[in-house]
Protein backbone atom coordinates (compact mmCIF):
# COMPACT_ATOMS: atom_id res chain seq x y z
CA UNK A 1 0.00 0.00 0.00
CA UNK A 2 2.81 2.37 0.88
CA UNK A 3 4.58 1.52 -2.37
CA UNK A 4 1.49 2.32 -4.39
CA UNK A 5 1.07 5.61 -2.56
CA UNK A 6 4.66 6.62 -3.16
CA UNK A 7 4.39 5.84 -6.86
CA UNK A 8 1.22 7.81 -7.20
CA UNK A 9 2.74 10.82 -5.45
CA UNK A 10 5.92 10.72 -7.50
CA UNK A 11 4.95 13.81 -9.50
CA UNK A 12 5.66 14.56 -13.14
CA UNK A 13 8.81 12.42 -13.27
CA UNK A 14 12.56 12.80 -12.86
CA UNK A 15 14.20 16.14 -13.36
CA UNK A 16 16.24 17.14 -16.36
CA UNK A 17 19.79 15.71 -16.03
CA UNK A 18 21.54 19.04 -16.42
CA UNK A 19 25.04 17.62 -16.00
CA UNK A 20 24.54 15.21 -18.88
CA UNK A 21 22.80 17.93 -20.93
CA UNK A 22 25.74 20.32 -20.58
CA UNK A 23 28.39 17.67 -21.21
CA UNK A 24 26.68 16.39 -24.36
CA UNK A 25 26.20 19.95 -25.64
CA UNK A 26 29.86 20.79 -25.06
CA UNK A 27 30.90 17.61 -26.89
CA UNK A 28 28.60 18.32 -29.85
CA UNK A 29 29.67 21.95 -30.33
CA UNK A 30 33.35 21.21 -29.74
CA UNK A 31 33.51 18.43 -32.30
CA UNK A 32 31.56 20.54 -34.79
CA UNK A 33 34.02 23.42 -34.35
CA UNK A 34 37.00 21.08 -34.71
CA UNK A 35 35.61 19.59 -37.90
CA UNK A 36 34.76 22.96 -39.43
CA UNK A 37 38.12 24.50 -38.52
CA UNK A 38 40.03 21.50 -39.87
CA UNK A 39 38.10 21.56 -43.14
CA UNK A 40 38.57 25.31 -43.56
CA UNK A 41 42.28 25.23 -42.75
CA UNK A 42 42.94 22.34 -45.13
CA UNK A 43 40.95 23.96 -47.93
CA UNK A 44 42.76 27.27 -47.56
CA UNK A 45 46.10 25.51 -47.47
CA UNK A 46 45.35 23.61 -50.67
CA UNK A 47 44.27 26.85 -52.35
CA UNK A 48 47.38 28.67 -51.05
CA UNK A 49 45.03 31.37 -49.82
CA UNK A 50 46.75 31.51 -46.44
CA UNK A 51 49.90 32.92 -48.05
CA UNK A 52 48.49 36.47 -47.91
CA UNK A 53 47.85 36.45 -44.17
CA UNK A 54 47.84 34.46 -40.97
CA UNK A 55 46.13 31.10 -41.26
CA UNK A 56 44.38 31.42 -37.89
CA UNK A 57 42.26 34.52 -38.63
CA UNK A 58 41.59 33.30 -42.16
CA UNK A 59 40.33 29.97 -40.82
CA UNK A 60 38.15 31.72 -38.26
CA UNK A 61 36.66 33.92 -40.98
CA UNK A 62 35.84 30.94 -43.21
CA UNK A 63 34.30 29.05 -40.28
CA UNK A 64 32.21 32.12 -39.48
CA UNK A 65 30.99 32.19 -43.07
CA UNK A 66 30.20 28.48 -42.86
CA UNK A 67 28.18 29.02 -39.68
CA UNK A 68 26.00 31.65 -41.34
CA UNK A 69 28.10 34.68 -40.42
CA UNK A 70 29.33 37.62 -42.44
CA UNK A 71 32.82 38.94 -43.26
CA UNK A 72 33.56 42.49 -44.40
CA UNK A 73 37.00 43.26 -45.87
CA UNK A 74 38.02 46.91 -45.63
CA UNK A 75 41.11 49.09 -45.68
CA UNK A 76 42.91 52.18 -46.91
CA UNK A 77 43.30 51.88 -50.68
CA UNK A 78 43.32 55.55 -51.57
CA UNK A 79 46.86 55.14 -52.93
CA UNK A 80 45.41 52.90 -55.65
CA UNK A 81 42.98 55.50 -56.85
CA UNK A 82 40.01 53.94 -55.02
CA UNK A 83 37.91 55.92 -52.60
CA UNK A 84 34.45 56.02 -51.14
CA UNK A 85 32.19 53.20 -52.35
CA UNK A 86 35.02 51.74 -54.43
CA UNK A 87 36.94 50.92 -51.27
CA UNK A 88 34.08 48.94 -49.72
CA UNK A 89 33.96 45.22 -50.32
CA UNK A 90 31.04 42.98 -49.45
CA UNK A 91 30.93 39.19 -49.45
CA UNK A 92 27.81 37.08 -49.12
CA UNK A 93 28.99 33.53 -49.62
CA UNK A 94 28.63 30.38 -47.55
CA UNK A 95 31.28 27.65 -47.94
CA UNK A 96 28.84 24.78 -47.63
CA UNK A 97 31.64 22.23 -47.41
CA UNK A 98 32.56 23.69 -44.03
CA UNK A 99 28.90 24.00 -43.05
CA UNK A 100 28.12 20.39 -43.97
CA UNK A 101 30.96 18.95 -41.91
CA UNK A 102 29.89 20.94 -38.87
CA UNK A 103 26.23 20.04 -39.37
CA UNK A 104 26.95 16.32 -39.58
CA UNK A 105 29.06 16.32 -36.42
CA UNK A 106 26.66 18.53 -34.49
CA UNK A 107 23.60 16.46 -35.38
CA UNK A 108 25.40 13.15 -34.75
CA UNK A 109 26.32 14.02 -31.15
CA UNK A 110 22.95 15.64 -30.47
CA UNK A 111 21.02 12.59 -31.67
CA UNK A 112 23.26 10.24 -29.68
CA UNK A 113 22.49 12.18 -26.53
CA UNK A 114 18.75 11.82 -27.18
CA UNK A 115 19.03 8.08 -27.78
CA UNK A 116 20.89 7.69 -24.51
CA UNK A 117 18.06 9.47 -22.69
CA UNK A 118 15.76 6.44 -22.95
CA UNK A 119 13.07 4.91 -25.13
CA UNK A 120 11.04 8.11 -24.97
CA UNK A 121 12.34 11.60 -24.26
CA UNK A 122 10.34 14.16 -22.35
CA UNK A 123 9.61 17.52 -23.96
CA UNK A 124 11.43 19.43 -21.22
CA UNK A 125 14.59 17.38 -21.69
CA UNK A 126 14.44 17.72 -25.48
CA UNK A 127 14.13 21.49 -25.23
CA UNK A 128 16.92 21.63 -22.65
CA UNK A 129 19.32 19.64 -24.82
CA UNK A 130 18.52 21.63 -27.96
CA UNK A 131 18.73 24.95 -26.09
CA UNK A 132 22.11 24.09 -24.61
CA UNK A 133 23.52 23.22 -28.05
CA UNK A 134 22.17 26.42 -29.61
CA UNK A 135 23.48 28.57 -26.76
CA UNK A 136 26.97 27.10 -27.03
CA UNK A 137 26.86 27.53 -30.81
CA UNK A 138 26.14 31.24 -30.38
CA UNK A 139 29.04 31.44 -27.92
CA UNK A 140 31.24 29.72 -30.53
CA UNK A 141 30.17 32.34 -33.07
CA UNK A 142 31.20 35.04 -30.62
CA UNK A 143 34.65 33.48 -30.39
CA UNK A 144 34.91 33.55 -34.17
CA UNK A 145 34.05 37.27 -34.13
CA UNK A 146 36.93 37.84 -31.72
CA UNK A 147 39.44 35.73 -33.69
CA UNK A 148 38.37 36.40 -37.28
CA UNK A 149 40.08 39.67 -38.06
CA UNK A 150 43.43 40.40 -39.62
CA UNK A 151 45.29 43.13 -41.48
CA UNK A 152 47.27 42.43 -44.65
CA UNK A 153 49.70 44.95 -46.12
CA UNK A 154 49.93 45.00 -49.92
CA UNK A 155 53.31 46.32 -51.04
CA UNK A 156 52.99 48.34 -54.23
CA UNK A 157 56.48 47.38 -55.28
CA UNK A 158 55.25 43.82 -55.76
CA UNK A 159 53.04 45.12 -58.57
CA UNK A 160 56.06 46.11 -60.65
CA UNK A 161 57.14 44.02 -63.64
CA UNK A 162 59.08 41.14 -62.15
CA UNK A 163 60.95 40.57 -65.37
CA UNK A 164 62.59 43.99 -65.35
CA UNK A 165 65.50 45.00 -63.17
CA UNK A 166 64.18 46.85 -60.23
CA UNK A 167 60.70 45.64 -60.83
CA UNK A 168 60.55 44.27 -57.34
CA UNK A 169 62.33 47.18 -55.64
CA UNK A 170 61.42 50.68 -54.60
CA UNK A 171 61.32 52.06 -58.14
CA UNK A 172 61.30 51.00 -61.74
CA UNK A 173 64.82 51.08 -63.29
CA UNK A 174 65.47 50.50 -66.98
CA UNK A 175 69.08 50.12 -68.12
CA UNK A 176 70.29 53.34 -69.69
CA UNK A 177 67.36 55.39 -68.36
CA UNK A 178 67.60 54.88 -64.63
CA UNK A 179 64.60 55.23 -62.36
CA UNK A 180 61.57 56.22 -64.45
CA UNK A 181 59.03 56.00 -61.64
CA UNK A 182 58.43 59.75 -61.82
CA UNK A 183 57.97 59.71 -65.59
CA UNK A 184 55.08 57.22 -65.67
CA UNK A 185 51.71 58.71 -66.57
CA UNK A 186 48.79 59.29 -64.21
CA UNK A 187 49.25 57.60 -60.83
CA UNK A 188 51.14 54.51 -61.98
CA UNK A 189 54.34 55.93 -60.55
CA UNK A 190 52.71 56.34 -57.14
CA UNK A 191 51.52 52.74 -57.20
CA UNK A 192 55.08 51.45 -57.38
CA UNK A 193 56.07 53.05 -54.09
CA UNK A 194 52.69 52.82 -52.40
CA UNK A 195 51.59 50.38 -49.76
CA UNK A 196 48.09 49.82 -48.45
CA UNK A 197 46.84 48.20 -45.28
CA UNK A 198 43.79 46.10 -46.02
CA UNK A 199 42.09 43.51 -43.93
CA UNK A 200 38.89 41.70 -43.08
CA UNK A 201 36.64 41.59 -40.06
CA UNK A 202 33.94 39.17 -38.98
CA UNK A 203 30.76 41.13 -38.36
CA UNK A 204 29.47 40.62 -34.83
CA UNK A 205 25.68 40.88 -35.04
CA UNK A 206 25.17 39.01 -38.34
CA UNK A 207 27.52 36.25 -37.19
CA UNK A 208 25.77 35.80 -33.83
CA UNK A 209 22.38 35.68 -35.51
CA UNK A 210 23.75 33.37 -38.17
CA UNK A 211 25.17 31.00 -35.56
CA UNK A 212 21.80 30.87 -33.83
CA UNK A 213 19.91 30.17 -37.06
CA UNK A 214 22.46 27.66 -38.34
CA UNK A 215 22.52 25.55 -35.17
CA UNK A 216 18.74 25.64 -34.69
CA UNK A 217 18.15 24.69 -38.33
CA UNK A 218 20.64 21.83 -38.16
CA UNK A 219 18.99 20.38 -35.04
CA UNK A 220 15.52 20.71 -36.56
CA UNK A 221 16.51 18.93 -39.78
CA UNK A 222 18.37 16.24 -37.84
CA UNK A 223 15.39 15.58 -35.58
CA UNK A 224 13.04 15.33 -38.57
CA UNK A 225 15.40 13.11 -40.59
CA UNK A 226 16.55 10.63 -37.93
CA UNK A 227 14.08 7.74 -37.92
CA UNK A 228 15.46 6.03 -34.80
CA UNK A 229 15.70 8.95 -32.42
CA UNK A 230 13.04 9.01 -29.67
CA UNK A 231 10.46 11.77 -29.59
CA UNK A 232 8.20 13.04 -26.81
CA UNK A 233 4.80 11.46 -26.29
CA UNK A 234 2.21 12.77 -28.70
CA UNK A 235 4.72 13.39 -31.48
CA UNK A 236 4.00 10.13 -33.28
CA UNK A 237 2.57 12.03 -36.28
CA UNK A 238 5.97 13.64 -36.84
CA UNK A 239 7.61 10.24 -36.81
CA UNK A 240 5.02 8.60 -39.05
CA UNK A 241 4.39 11.39 -41.59
CA UNK A 242 7.40 13.71 -41.67
CA UNK A 243 10.42 11.52 -41.10
CA UNK A 244 10.19 9.14 -44.10
CA UNK A 245 10.09 11.96 -46.66
CA UNK A 246 12.64 14.21 -44.93
CA UNK A 247 15.10 11.35 -44.43
CA UNK A 248 14.76 10.43 -48.12
CA UNK A 249 15.51 14.01 -49.24
CA UNK A 250 18.49 14.32 -46.89
CA UNK A 251 19.85 10.98 -48.11
CA UNK A 252 19.77 11.93 -51.79
CA UNK A 253 21.35 15.33 -51.07
CA UNK A 254 24.26 13.65 -49.28
CA UNK A 255 24.62 11.11 -52.10
CA UNK A 256 24.76 14.01 -54.57
CA UNK A 257 27.56 15.66 -52.58
CA UNK A 258 29.48 12.39 -52.51
CA UNK A 259 29.11 12.15 -56.29
CA UNK A 260 30.37 15.73 -56.66
CA UNK A 261 33.44 14.98 -54.55
CA UNK A 262 34.14 11.88 -56.64
CA UNK A 263 33.86 13.93 -59.84
CA UNK A 264 36.26 16.54 -58.42
CA UNK A 265 38.74 13.81 -57.52
CA UNK A 266 38.57 12.43 -61.04
CA UNK A 267 39.08 15.90 -62.51
CA UNK A 268 42.08 16.55 -60.27
CA UNK A 269 43.92 13.47 -61.55
CA UNK A 270 44.66 14.91 -64.98
CA UNK A 271 44.78 18.61 -64.07
CA UNK A 272 47.90 20.76 -63.82
CA UNK A 273 46.80 22.12 -60.43
CA UNK A 274 45.24 19.23 -58.50
CA UNK A 275 45.70 21.01 -55.16
CA UNK A 276 43.44 23.87 -56.23
CA UNK A 277 40.72 21.51 -57.39
CA UNK A 278 40.93 19.54 -54.14
CA UNK A 279 40.78 22.71 -52.04
CA UNK A 280 37.88 24.16 -53.98
CA UNK A 281 35.97 20.86 -53.74
CA UNK A 282 36.63 20.62 -50.02
CA UNK A 283 35.20 24.06 -49.37
CA UNK A 284 32.55 24.38 -52.06
CA UNK A 285 31.53 20.99 -53.47
CA UNK A 286 28.06 21.23 -51.86
CA UNK A 287 27.71 24.73 -53.32
CA UNK A 288 28.15 23.51 -56.87
CA UNK A 289 26.11 20.34 -56.44
CA UNK A 290 23.19 21.96 -54.63
CA UNK A 291 23.24 24.84 -57.11
CA UNK A 292 22.98 22.39 -59.98
CA UNK A 293 20.01 20.49 -58.51
CA UNK A 294 17.48 23.36 -58.87
CA UNK A 295 18.88 24.24 -62.28
CA UNK A 296 18.57 20.61 -63.36
CA UNK A 297 14.94 20.66 -62.22
CA UNK A 298 14.35 23.71 -64.49
CA UNK A 299 14.38 26.31 -61.72
CA UNK A 300 15.76 29.52 -63.31
CA UNK A 301 18.20 31.88 -61.67
CA UNK A 302 19.64 35.34 -62.14
CA UNK A 303 23.34 36.12 -62.24
CA UNK A 304 26.11 38.39 -63.41
CA UNK A 305 29.89 38.34 -63.16
CA UNK A 306 32.79 40.57 -64.12
CA UNK A 307 36.48 40.99 -63.54
CA UNK A 308 38.74 38.42 -61.95
CA UNK A 309 35.90 36.63 -60.17
CA UNK A 310 34.56 35.47 -63.51
CA UNK A 311 37.35 32.92 -63.66
CA UNK A 312 36.25 31.09 -60.52
CA UNK A 313 32.97 29.98 -62.09
CA UNK A 314 32.72 26.57 -63.77
CA UNK A 315 32.11 26.09 -67.46
CA UNK A 316 29.71 27.05 -69.07
CA UNK A 317 28.45 29.35 -66.30
CA UNK A 318 31.41 31.67 -66.82
CA UNK A 319 30.57 32.11 -70.50
CA UNK A 320 26.89 32.57 -69.76
CA UNK A 321 27.43 35.29 -67.14
CA UNK A 322 30.36 36.87 -68.93
CA UNK A 323 28.20 37.72 -71.94
CA UNK A 324 26.58 40.53 -69.95
CA UNK A 325 23.05 39.56 -70.90
CA UNK A 326 20.08 40.04 -68.62
CA UNK A 327 18.50 36.73 -69.62
CA UNK A 328 18.01 34.24 -66.76
CA UNK A 329 20.31 31.33 -66.05
CA UNK A 330 18.45 28.22 -67.17
CA UNK A 331 19.31 24.67 -68.12
CA UNK A 332 18.39 25.34 -71.74
CA UNK A 333 20.72 28.33 -72.08
CA UNK A 334 23.64 26.40 -70.59
CA UNK A 335 22.89 23.45 -72.88
CA UNK A 336 23.22 25.80 -75.85
CA UNK A 337 26.83 26.42 -74.82
CA UNK A 338 27.55 22.82 -73.83
CA UNK A 339 25.22 19.99 -74.83
CA UNK A 340 26.45 17.85 -71.95
CA UNK A 341 24.46 20.04 -69.57
CA UNK A 342 21.35 18.00 -70.42
CA UNK A 343 22.93 15.24 -68.35
CA UNK A 344 22.43 17.52 -65.36
CA UNK A 345 18.67 17.37 -65.90
CA UNK A 346 18.77 13.57 -66.22
CA UNK A 347 20.78 13.26 -63.00
CA UNK A 348 18.39 15.56 -61.13
CA UNK A 349 15.36 13.56 -62.33
CA UNK A 350 16.98 10.27 -61.26
CA UNK A 351 17.77 11.79 -57.90
CA UNK A 352 14.12 12.70 -57.40
CA UNK A 353 13.05 9.18 -58.40
CA UNK A 354 15.44 7.76 -55.82
CA UNK A 355 13.90 10.04 -53.21
CA UNK A 356 10.45 8.75 -54.15
CA UNK A 357 11.49 5.10 -53.81
CA UNK A 358 13.17 5.75 -50.44
CA UNK A 359 10.07 7.52 -49.20
CA UNK A 360 7.87 4.55 -50.16
CA UNK A 361 10.25 2.03 -48.65
CA UNK A 362 10.39 3.94 -45.36
CA UNK A 363 6.67 4.76 -45.12
CA UNK A 364 4.69 2.22 -43.06
CA UNK A 365 1.88 0.46 -44.89
CA UNK A 366 -1.35 0.65 -42.84
CA UNK A 367 -2.93 -2.56 -41.53
CA UNK A 368 -6.13 -1.87 -43.48
CA UNK A 369 -4.67 -1.89 -46.99
CA UNK A 370 -6.03 0.90 -49.14
CA UNK A 371 -4.43 -0.23 -52.39
CA UNK A 372 -1.55 1.02 -54.48
CA UNK A 373 -3.33 4.24 -55.45
CA UNK A 374 -3.92 5.33 -51.87
CA UNK A 375 -0.36 4.50 -50.82
CA UNK A 376 1.04 6.39 -53.82
CA UNK A 377 -1.09 9.41 -52.98
CA UNK A 378 0.21 9.54 -49.41
CA UNK A 379 3.84 9.28 -50.54
CA UNK A 380 3.30 11.89 -53.26
CA UNK A 381 1.81 14.39 -50.81
CA UNK A 382 4.55 13.98 -48.22
CA UNK A 383 7.46 14.09 -50.64
CA UNK A 384 5.86 17.00 -52.51
CA UNK A 385 5.75 19.09 -49.33
CA UNK A 386 9.31 18.14 -48.38
CA UNK A 387 10.70 18.99 -51.83
CA UNK A 388 8.72 22.23 -52.02
CA UNK A 389 10.50 23.37 -48.87
CA UNK A 390 13.91 21.99 -49.86
CA UNK A 391 14.41 23.63 -53.27
CA UNK A 392 13.91 27.23 -52.02
CA UNK A 393 16.26 26.42 -49.15
CA UNK A 394 18.92 25.24 -51.61
CA UNK A 395 18.42 28.34 -53.73
CA UNK A 396 18.94 30.52 -50.65
CA UNK A 397 21.98 28.61 -49.37
CA UNK A 398 23.78 28.71 -52.72
CA UNK A 399 23.40 32.44 -53.30
CA UNK A 400 26.67 34.17 -54.11
CA UNK A 401 27.26 37.90 -53.96
CA UNK A 402 30.68 39.59 -53.99
CA UNK A 403 31.70 43.08 -55.04
CA UNK A 404 35.41 43.32 -54.43
CA UNK A 405 37.93 46.12 -54.74
CA UNK A 406 40.46 44.74 -52.26
CA UNK A 407 42.57 41.69 -51.54
CA UNK A 408 39.91 39.36 -50.18
CA UNK A 409 41.09 36.27 -48.32
CA UNK A 410 44.21 36.05 -50.44
CA UNK A 411 42.66 36.91 -53.82
CA UNK A 412 43.49 40.27 -55.43
CA UNK A 413 40.24 41.20 -57.19
CA UNK A 414 40.09 44.89 -58.02
CA UNK A 415 36.85 46.02 -59.61
CA UNK A 416 35.43 42.50 -59.76
CA UNK A 417 31.96 41.32 -58.93
CA UNK A 418 29.75 38.27 -59.03
CA UNK A 419 26.11 37.69 -58.19
CA UNK A 420 24.11 34.51 -58.59
CA UNK A 421 20.66 34.06 -57.07
CA UNK A 422 17.81 31.61 -57.49
CA UNK A 423 14.10 32.29 -57.59
CA UNK A 424 12.48 30.99 -54.40
CA UNK A 425 8.89 31.30 -55.65
CA UNK A 426 9.54 29.25 -58.78
CA UNK A 427 11.57 26.76 -56.74
CA UNK A 428 8.62 26.31 -54.36
CA UNK A 429 6.15 25.52 -57.15
CA UNK A 430 8.46 23.28 -59.17
CA UNK A 431 9.59 21.52 -56.01
CA UNK A 432 6.02 20.60 -55.17
CA UNK A 433 5.41 19.29 -58.70
CA UNK A 434 8.63 17.29 -58.87
CA UNK A 435 8.18 15.90 -55.35
CA UNK A 436 4.59 14.82 -55.93
CA UNK A 437 5.43 13.14 -59.24
CA UNK A 438 8.53 11.39 -57.89
CA UNK A 439 6.69 10.30 -54.75
CA UNK A 440 3.86 8.74 -56.74
CA UNK A 441 6.12 6.96 -59.23
CA UNK A 442 8.47 5.74 -56.51
CA UNK A 443 5.56 4.44 -54.44
CA UNK A 444 4.14 2.49 -57.40
CA UNK A 445 7.57 1.01 -58.12
CA UNK A 446 8.01 -0.02 -54.50
CA UNK A 447 4.48 -1.43 -54.33
CA UNK A 448 4.93 -3.50 -57.48
CA UNK A 449 8.25 -4.90 -56.28
CA UNK A 450 6.95 -5.68 -52.78
CA UNK A 451 9.38 -3.24 -51.12
CA UNK A 452 6.75 -0.81 -49.83
CA UNK A 453 7.25 -0.27 -46.12
CA UNK A 454 9.98 -2.90 -45.70
CA UNK A 455 12.31 -0.36 -44.03
CA UNK A 456 9.61 1.46 -42.09
CA UNK A 457 10.36 2.25 -38.47
CA UNK A 458 7.07 2.29 -36.56
CA UNK A 459 6.59 3.92 -33.19
CA UNK A 460 5.03 1.28 -30.94
CA UNK A 461 4.33 0.78 -27.29
CA UNK A 462 5.60 -2.43 -25.71
CA UNK A 463 6.68 -1.88 -22.09
CA UNK A 464 7.10 1.78 -22.91
CA UNK A 465 7.46 3.69 -26.12
CA UNK A 466 10.15 2.69 -28.55
CA UNK A 467 10.95 2.32 -32.19
CA UNK A 468 11.37 -0.84 -34.18
CA UNK A 469 11.64 -1.83 -37.80
CA UNK A 470 8.63 -3.11 -39.67
CA UNK A 471 6.25 -2.62 -36.78
CA UNK A 472 8.27 -4.22 -33.98
CA UNK A 473 8.66 -1.93 -30.99
CA UNK A 474 12.01 -1.74 -29.27
CA UNK A 475 12.36 -4.00 -26.25
CA UNK A 476 14.53 -3.42 -23.21
CA UNK A 477 17.76 -5.35 -23.38
CA UNK A 478 19.81 -6.66 -26.26
CA UNK A 479 17.83 -9.92 -26.71
CA UNK A 480 14.78 -9.94 -28.96
CA UNK A 481 13.24 -13.45 -29.16
CA UNK A 482 12.02 -14.62 -32.53
CA UNK A 483 8.79 -16.37 -33.41
CA UNK A 484 8.73 -20.12 -32.50
CA UNK A 485 8.53 -22.72 -35.24
CA UNK A 486 5.82 -24.77 -33.49
CA UNK A 487 3.42 -24.27 -30.57
CA UNK A 488 4.64 -25.23 -27.08
CA UNK A 489 4.03 -28.86 -26.13
CA UNK A 490 4.30 -30.12 -22.51
CA UNK A 491 4.90 -33.61 -23.83
CA UNK A 492 8.22 -32.60 -25.38
CA UNK A 493 9.22 -29.77 -23.04
CA UNK A 494 9.55 -30.92 -19.40
CA UNK A 495 9.75 -27.30 -18.20
CA UNK A 496 6.09 -26.81 -19.16
CA UNK A 497 4.80 -29.66 -16.95
CA UNK A 498 3.24 -28.99 -13.58
CA UNK A 499 5.02 -30.57 -10.58
CA UNK A 500 2.41 -33.32 -10.08
CA UNK A 501 2.86 -34.56 -13.66
CA UNK A 502 6.65 -34.80 -13.67
CA UNK A 503 6.85 -38.27 -12.09
CA UNK A 504 4.43 -39.77 -14.63
CA UNK A 505 2.35 -42.93 -14.01
CA UNK A 506 3.54 -45.44 -11.46
CA UNK A 507 5.30 -48.48 -12.90
CA UNK A 508 4.78 -51.77 -10.99
CA UNK A 509 7.94 -53.68 -10.15
CA UNK A 510 9.09 -56.01 -12.89
CA UNK A 511 6.35 -55.00 -15.35
CA UNK A 512 8.32 -55.22 -18.57
CA UNK A 513 11.18 -53.16 -17.23
CA UNK A 514 14.61 -54.60 -17.36
CA UNK A 515 17.77 -53.39 -15.81
CA UNK A 516 18.56 -49.90 -16.91
CA UNK A 517 15.08 -49.14 -18.22
CA UNK A 518 14.32 -45.69 -16.91
CA UNK A 519 11.38 -44.78 -19.18
CA UNK A 520 8.81 -43.13 -16.98
CA UNK A 521 11.32 -42.29 -14.29
CA UNK A 522 11.21 -38.64 -13.16
CA UNK A 523 13.84 -36.13 -14.23
CA UNK A 524 16.09 -35.55 -11.23
CA UNK A 525 18.20 -32.41 -10.80
CA UNK A 526 20.84 -32.55 -8.08
CA UNK A 527 22.57 -35.31 -6.10
CA UNK A 528 20.11 -38.11 -5.40
CA UNK A 529 22.45 -41.00 -4.73
CA UNK A 530 24.84 -43.11 -6.72
CA UNK A 531 23.95 -44.16 -10.24
CA UNK A 532 24.23 -47.83 -11.13
CA UNK A 533 25.20 -49.44 -14.36
CA UNK A 534 23.61 -48.15 -17.54
CA UNK A 535 22.29 -45.10 -15.69
CA UNK A 536 19.69 -46.82 -13.41
CA UNK A 537 19.05 -44.84 -10.24
CA UNK A 538 19.35 -46.85 -6.99
CA UNK A 539 17.60 -45.01 -4.24
CA UNK A 540 18.67 -45.62 -0.68
CA UNK A 541 22.28 -46.49 -1.63
CA UNK A 542 23.73 -43.06 -1.03
CA UNK A 543 26.73 -42.24 1.03
CA UNK A 544 24.61 -41.84 4.14
CA UNK A 545 22.73 -45.07 3.57
CA UNK A 546 19.36 -43.28 3.79
CA UNK A 547 16.62 -42.82 1.27
CA UNK A 548 16.60 -39.77 -0.95
CA UNK A 549 13.93 -37.14 -0.19
CA UNK A 550 10.96 -36.93 -2.52
CA UNK A 551 11.22 -34.58 -5.47
CA UNK A 552 7.91 -32.82 -4.70
CA UNK A 553 5.73 -32.74 -1.59
CA UNK A 554 2.97 -34.82 -3.26
CA UNK A 555 5.38 -37.47 -4.50
CA UNK A 556 5.31 -40.78 -2.62
CA UNK A 557 8.29 -42.92 -1.61
CA UNK A 558 10.57 -44.02 -4.43
CA UNK A 559 9.73 -47.35 -6.08
CA UNK A 560 11.78 -50.38 -4.94
CA UNK A 561 14.71 -51.35 -7.12
CA UNK A 562 14.07 -54.03 -9.73
CA UNK A 563 15.05 -57.59 -8.79
CA UNK A 564 18.55 -58.63 -9.86
């Protein structure tokens, strides 16, 4: 009675384990920062971009950009004839290679902490764990603001002709004429002796807000895409409806990035500068791949490019934007310059079909079968919504905007600019159409092949909430018994017999039983006396000379031994 009273008065449940919450959040954010910093440092080293300044501040600036921050280069360039607006440089670019590494590590550790919390996580604990990770991510962004600034001095003498004597010195000497620095027209002579201090600074407020949005978005996508992470009670609709489609979209996006990295590795084998290709792929492979997906699905974009930044664009985008036309960037226009671009549309369509099949395979089939048409409609609706939200997000993440008049992160780009933006409204509509079509076709393919729902993870309730594959709820402990091959039978399993039936019917002495015949004798566990030849039990011949005790209270005295 007292036990029942104490259980009933236990209250809402155990408190949030704050020590574990803080430790798991520190681990998640720390590993994410280490992965992002390592990726950024290696990419800059391969690009030789760290030769213009210290590698530490440059790495911090790239990590800040990867975490959704903003970097503003600035400096005194009046000696180069630039002033006012010409001296301001703005960069709006996200190195998604750095962002993806940090997102994978952050989500991995966050989801592991939730799985360790139990079969079902309470809402308060989920909010506490997510809030701790977001708060530490904002603090990490603040550290990047403090570390991500540097000043680089550009020596004007380095701009002199290196092939001429004195081209790298304080003036420009030509044999027979001497120093002609004062004879050069306009301000070219001043450029030879000039030096300018330029640098870059991580913006505080945009970086803090970007760190908050980046970490919160990563945790939200990870929670919606992980099919084996526990959710609070009452969230079963999220697990049943949202997770199959979101996990399918995330899977195909990661597969596309892996394909892009493989293509970059193949291109680097026969190139004269393999380090540059490797560095660019490490920092921006997701940018190129995720930019090509909307274009391959016929989502138009707008762009322009000029100056030195035009050379960083891949073919045929550089030719398309370098023409100076105001026409949109579409798959058809790029195919006019290079017919191989139609393969981009084929790859994007196959990617969507794969997403549709994965959605059908991971969507549970209801017990009351509604037919292939109903199942295809459910998959089409869910994947259509997921894709309609994904394509505008990709268009926003892959936006590029840079108007440079300074040395930016190791690249001297005076008077250069680039701008490439997608159209979110068109991406929303086309994403819904492509997702619905791919979901329906993939569901019909999975239904016809018998693969519909074979990888579904259903939220069940067996001794508490849990997840299991194909409708089996998770059980406590590592052992999950399988289905028996035949029904239990007490005649073949002695452990199923009641105590009074173990001894079996009494056998009269000498009734067809020879020496060693123990059929009908009870199963004895433990020392019951010495065993005679051929395994016959001889009661009463033990070491103490007494009779063995009965096996059960209702068992009579042991039968007399058979005659010799």
